[in-house]
Amino acid sequence: MAGITNAISDLINSILGVITNFFNAILAILQSSFMVLVSGVQSVFGLTKNLASFILGNIVMIGVLAVVFVAYTSYQQRPGRPAPAVGGGRGAKKVA
C-alpha cells in the first residue's frame, strides 16, 4: 500500500514540477522580451540624441559660414573701397 501512495505522490510532484517549470519558462521569456524591448528603446533614444547633436553641429557650422559670407560681402561693398581689378593681378593687359 505504501508503494501506491508513493507512486501517486511522485505523480503529483511531477505534475506540479511540470506546471512550475512551465510558468517559470513563460516568466523568463516575458522578462527577456521586456529587456530586449527596453534595450531597443534605449538604442532608439541614443540614436536620436546622436543624430540631433550631429544636425545641430552642422547647423552651427553652416551658420558660422553664412555669417562669414555676409560679413565678407558687406566688407566688399563698403563705400570708398576700390573695386577689385578685372582680369587678375600682375601681367594682365589693360584694355583701353
N, C-alpha and C. Protein backbone atom coordinates (compact mmCIF):
# COMPACT_ATOMS: atom_id res chain seq x y z
N MET A 1 0.82 -1.19 0.00
CA MET A 1 0.00 0.00 0.00
C MET A 1 0.87 1.26 0.00
N ALA A 2 2.00 1.21 0.65
CA ALA A 2 2.90 2.36 0.69
C ALA A 2 3.45 2.65 -0.70
N GLY A 3 3.61 1.62 -1.52
CA GLY A 3 4.12 1.80 -2.88
C GLY A 3 3.15 2.60 -3.74
N ILE A 4 1.84 2.34 -3.57
CA ILE A 4 0.84 3.06 -4.35
C ILE A 4 0.80 4.53 -3.93
N THR A 5 0.86 4.81 -2.65
CA THR A 5 0.83 6.20 -2.18
C THR A 5 2.10 6.94 -2.62
N ASN A 6 3.22 6.23 -2.60
CA ASN A 6 4.47 6.86 -3.08
C ASN A 6 4.39 7.16 -4.57
N ALA A 7 3.79 6.27 -5.34
CA ALA A 7 3.65 6.47 -6.78
C ALA A 7 2.72 7.65 -7.06
N ILE A 8 1.61 7.74 -6.33
CA ILE A 8 0.67 8.86 -6.52
C ILE A 8 1.34 10.17 -6.09
N SER A 9 2.08 10.14 -5.00
CA SER A 9 2.79 11.33 -4.53
C SER A 9 3.83 11.77 -5.56
N ASP A 10 4.56 10.82 -6.11
CA ASP A 10 5.55 11.14 -7.14
C ASP A 10 4.88 11.71 -8.39
N LEU A 11 3.72 11.15 -8.76
CA LEU A 11 2.98 11.64 -9.92
C LEU A 11 2.54 13.08 -9.71
N ILE A 12 1.99 13.36 -8.53
CA ILE A 12 1.53 14.72 -8.22
C ILE A 12 2.72 15.68 -8.19
N ASN A 13 3.83 15.26 -7.60
CA ASN A 13 5.03 16.11 -7.57
C ASN A 13 5.55 16.37 -8.98
N SER A 14 5.50 15.37 -9.83
CA SER A 14 5.96 15.54 -11.21
C SER A 14 5.06 16.51 -11.97
N ILE A 15 3.74 16.37 -11.80
CA ILE A 15 2.80 17.27 -12.47
C ILE A 15 3.00 18.70 -11.97
N LEU A 16 3.14 18.87 -10.66
CA LEU A 16 3.39 20.21 -10.12
C LEU A 16 4.73 20.76 -10.60
N GLY A 17 5.73 19.92 -10.73
CA GLY A 17 7.03 20.35 -11.25
C GLY A 17 6.94 20.81 -12.70
N VAL A 18 6.15 20.08 -13.50
CA VAL A 18 5.96 20.48 -14.90
C VAL A 18 5.25 21.83 -14.97
N ILE A 19 4.20 21.99 -14.16
CA ILE A 19 3.46 23.25 -14.16
C ILE A 19 4.35 24.40 -13.69
N THR A 20 5.13 24.16 -12.64
CA THR A 20 6.04 25.19 -12.12
C THR A 20 7.08 25.58 -13.16
N ASN A 21 7.69 24.58 -13.79
CA ASN A 21 8.69 24.86 -14.82
C ASN A 21 8.08 25.59 -16.02
N PHE A 22 6.84 25.23 -16.36
CA PHE A 22 6.15 25.89 -17.47
C PHE A 22 5.97 27.38 -17.18
N PHE A 23 5.47 27.70 -15.98
CA PHE A 23 5.27 29.11 -15.64
C PHE A 23 6.60 29.85 -15.47
N ASN A 24 7.62 29.17 -14.95
CA ASN A 24 8.94 29.79 -14.85
C ASN A 24 9.49 30.12 -16.24
N ALA A 25 9.28 29.21 -17.19
CA ALA A 25 9.74 29.45 -18.56
C ALA A 25 8.99 30.62 -19.19
N ILE A 26 7.68 30.68 -18.97
CA ILE A 26 6.89 31.79 -19.51
C ILE A 26 7.36 33.12 -18.91
N LEU A 27 7.59 33.14 -17.61
CA LEU A 27 8.06 34.37 -16.97
C LEU A 27 9.45 34.76 -17.47
N ALA A 28 10.32 33.78 -17.68
CA ALA A 28 11.66 34.07 -18.20
C ALA A 28 11.58 34.64 -19.62
N ILE A 29 10.70 34.09 -20.44
CA ILE A 29 10.52 34.60 -21.81
C ILE A 29 9.97 36.02 -21.77
N LEU A 30 9.00 36.27 -20.91
CA LEU A 30 8.44 37.63 -20.81
C LEU A 30 9.50 38.62 -20.33
N GLN A 31 10.28 38.20 -19.34
CA GLN A 31 11.31 39.09 -18.82
C GLN A 31 12.37 39.39 -19.89
N SER A 32 12.82 38.38 -20.60
CA SER A 32 13.83 38.62 -21.63
C SER A 32 13.25 39.45 -22.78
N SER A 33 11.99 39.23 -23.12
CA SER A 33 11.36 40.05 -24.16
C SER A 33 11.26 41.50 -23.72
N PHE A 34 10.91 41.73 -22.48
CA PHE A 34 10.84 43.08 -21.94
C PHE A 34 12.21 43.74 -21.96
N MET A 35 13.25 42.99 -21.59
CA MET A 35 14.60 43.55 -21.59
C MET A 35 15.05 43.89 -23.01
N VAL A 36 14.69 43.06 -23.98
CA VAL A 36 15.03 43.36 -25.38
C VAL A 36 14.30 44.62 -25.82
N LEU A 37 13.05 44.76 -25.44
CA LEU A 37 12.27 45.95 -25.79
C LEU A 37 12.88 47.20 -25.16
N VAL A 38 13.23 47.12 -23.89
CA VAL A 38 13.84 48.27 -23.21
C VAL A 38 15.18 48.62 -23.86
N SER A 39 15.96 47.61 -24.19
CA SER A 39 17.24 47.86 -24.85
C SER A 39 17.04 48.51 -26.21
N GLY A 40 16.04 48.07 -26.95
CA GLY A 40 15.74 48.68 -28.25
C GLY A 40 15.31 50.13 -28.12
N VAL A 41 14.48 50.42 -27.13
CA VAL A 41 14.03 51.81 -26.91
C VAL A 41 15.22 52.69 -26.52
N GLN A 42 16.10 52.16 -25.67
CA GLN A 42 17.29 52.93 -25.29
C GLN A 42 18.17 53.19 -26.51
N SER A 43 18.29 52.21 -27.38
CA SER A 43 19.09 52.39 -28.60
C SER A 43 18.48 53.46 -29.49
N VAL A 44 17.16 53.46 -29.62
CA VAL A 44 16.50 54.46 -30.45
C VAL A 44 16.70 55.86 -29.86
N PHE A 45 16.59 55.98 -28.53
CA PHE A 45 16.81 57.28 -27.90
C PHE A 45 18.26 57.74 -28.09
N GLY A 46 19.20 56.81 -27.95
CA GLY A 46 20.60 57.15 -28.16
C GLY A 46 20.86 57.58 -29.59
N LEU A 47 20.27 56.87 -30.54
CA LEU A 47 20.43 57.24 -31.95
C LEU A 47 19.83 58.61 -32.22
N THR A 48 18.66 58.88 -31.65
CA THR A 48 18.01 60.18 -31.83
C THR A 48 18.86 61.30 -31.24
N LYS A 49 19.43 61.05 -30.07
CA LYS A 49 20.28 62.06 -29.43
C LYS A 49 21.51 62.34 -30.27
N ASN A 50 22.16 61.29 -30.76
CA ASN A 50 23.36 61.47 -31.57
C ASN A 50 23.04 62.16 -32.90
N LEU A 51 21.92 61.80 -33.50
CA LEU A 51 21.52 62.42 -34.76
C LEU A 51 21.21 63.90 -34.55
N ALA A 52 20.54 64.23 -33.46
CA ALA A 52 20.22 65.63 -33.17
C ALA A 52 21.49 66.44 -32.93
N SER A 53 22.45 65.89 -32.20
CA SER A 53 23.69 66.62 -31.96
C SER A 53 24.47 66.79 -33.26
N PHE A 54 24.43 65.79 -34.14
CA PHE A 54 25.10 65.90 -35.44
C PHE A 54 24.47 67.00 -36.27
N ILE A 55 23.15 67.02 -36.33
CA ILE A 55 22.44 68.03 -37.12
C ILE A 55 22.67 69.42 -36.53
N LEU A 56 22.59 69.55 -35.21
CA LEU A 56 22.82 70.85 -34.58
C LEU A 56 24.25 71.32 -34.80
N GLY A 57 25.20 70.41 -34.75
CA GLY A 57 26.59 70.78 -35.03
C GLY A 57 26.76 71.28 -36.44
N ASN A 58 26.10 70.64 -37.39
CA ASN A 58 26.20 71.09 -38.77
C ASN A 58 25.48 72.41 -38.97
N ILE A 59 24.36 72.61 -38.29
CA ILE A 59 23.64 73.89 -38.40
C ILE A 59 24.51 75.02 -37.86
N VAL A 60 25.21 74.77 -36.79
CA VAL A 60 26.10 75.79 -36.23
C VAL A 60 27.21 76.12 -37.24
N MET A 61 27.78 75.10 -37.86
CA MET A 61 28.84 75.34 -38.85
C MET A 61 28.31 76.09 -40.06
N ILE A 62 27.13 75.73 -40.54
CA ILE A 62 26.53 76.44 -41.68
C ILE A 62 26.23 77.88 -41.28
N GLY A 63 25.76 78.10 -40.07
CA GLY A 63 25.51 79.46 -39.59
C GLY A 63 26.78 80.28 -39.53
N VAL A 64 27.86 79.68 -39.06
CA VAL A 64 29.14 80.39 -39.00
C VAL A 64 29.60 80.76 -40.41
N LEU A 65 29.49 79.82 -41.34
CA LEU A 65 29.87 80.11 -42.72
C LEU A 65 29.00 81.21 -43.32
N ALA A 66 27.71 81.21 -43.02
CA ALA A 66 26.81 82.25 -43.53
C ALA A 66 27.19 83.61 -42.96
N VAL A 67 27.51 83.67 -41.68
CA VAL A 67 27.92 84.94 -41.07
C VAL A 67 29.21 85.44 -41.70
N VAL A 68 30.15 84.54 -41.92
CA VAL A 68 31.41 84.94 -42.56
C VAL A 68 31.14 85.46 -43.97
N PHE A 69 30.28 84.78 -44.71
CA PHE A 69 29.96 85.20 -46.08
C PHE A 69 29.30 86.58 -46.09
N VAL A 70 28.34 86.79 -45.22
CA VAL A 70 27.65 88.09 -45.16
C VAL A 70 28.63 89.19 -44.75
N ALA A 71 29.48 88.91 -43.78
CA ALA A 71 30.46 89.91 -43.35
C ALA A 71 31.42 90.24 -44.49
N TYR A 72 31.85 89.23 -45.22
CA TYR A 72 32.78 89.46 -46.33
C TYR A 72 32.12 90.27 -47.44
N THR A 73 30.88 89.93 -47.79
CA THR A 73 30.21 90.68 -48.86
C THR A 73 29.92 92.12 -48.43
N SER A 74 29.59 92.33 -47.18
CA SER A 74 29.37 93.71 -46.73
C SER A 74 30.70 94.48 -46.70
N TYR A 75 31.78 93.80 -46.39
CA TYR A 75 33.10 94.43 -46.44
C TYR A 75 33.46 94.79 -47.88
N GLN A 76 33.14 93.92 -48.81
CA GLN A 76 33.44 94.18 -50.22
C GLN A 76 32.62 95.35 -50.76
N GLN A 77 31.43 95.56 -50.27
CA GLN A 77 30.55 96.60 -50.78
C GLN A 77 30.67 97.91 -50.00
N ARG A 78 31.60 98.01 -49.09
CA ARG A 78 31.77 99.21 -48.29
C ARG A 78 32.18 100.38 -49.19
N PRO A 79 31.58 101.58 -48.99
CA PRO A 79 31.95 102.73 -49.82
C PRO A 79 33.39 103.14 -49.57
N GLY A 80 34.03 103.60 -50.66
CA GLY A 80 35.41 104.06 -50.54
C GLY A 80 36.41 102.95 -50.75
N ARG A 81 35.95 101.77 -50.87
CA ARG A 81 36.87 100.65 -51.10
C ARG A 81 37.05 100.49 -52.60
N PRO A 82 38.27 100.38 -53.07
CA PRO A 82 38.47 100.23 -54.51
C PRO A 82 37.92 98.89 -55.00
N ALA A 83 37.36 98.93 -56.19
CA ALA A 83 36.82 97.70 -56.78
C ALA A 83 37.98 96.80 -57.18
N PRO A 84 37.83 95.51 -57.06
CA PRO A 84 38.91 94.60 -57.45
C PRO A 84 39.14 94.69 -58.96
N ALA A 85 40.40 94.50 -59.36
CA ALA A 85 40.75 94.57 -60.78
C ALA A 85 40.14 93.40 -61.52
N VAL A 86 39.61 93.70 -62.69
CA VAL A 86 39.03 92.65 -63.52
C VAL A 86 40.16 92.03 -64.32
N GLY A 87 40.21 90.75 -64.38
CA GLY A 87 41.19 90.09 -65.21
C GLY A 87 42.39 89.58 -64.43
N GLY A 88 42.45 89.80 -63.18
CA GLY A 88 43.52 89.20 -62.41
C GLY A 88 44.49 90.23 -61.88
N GLY A 89 45.67 89.76 -61.60
CA GLY A 89 46.67 90.60 -60.95
C GLY A 89 47.72 91.08 -61.93
N ARG A 90 48.98 90.88 -61.62
CA ARG A 90 50.10 91.35 -62.43
C ARG A 90 50.10 90.65 -63.78
N GLY A 91 50.55 91.32 -64.73
CA GLY A 91 50.68 90.74 -66.05
C GLY A 91 49.41 90.77 -66.86
N ALA A 92 48.32 91.23 -66.27
CA ALA A 92 47.08 91.32 -67.04
C ALA A 92 47.14 92.55 -67.92
N LYS A 93 46.70 92.40 -69.13
CA LYS A 93 46.73 93.51 -70.08
C LYS A 93 45.55 94.43 -69.83
N LYS A 94 45.84 95.72 -69.86
CA LYS A 94 44.77 96.70 -69.68
C LYS A 94 44.10 96.95 -71.02
N VAL A 95 42.80 97.02 -70.98
CA VAL A 95 42.04 97.29 -72.19
C VAL A 95 41.76 98.78 -72.22
N ALA A 96 42.05 99.41 -73.35
CA ALA A 96 41.86 100.85 -73.46
C ALA A 96 40.45 101.22 -73.77
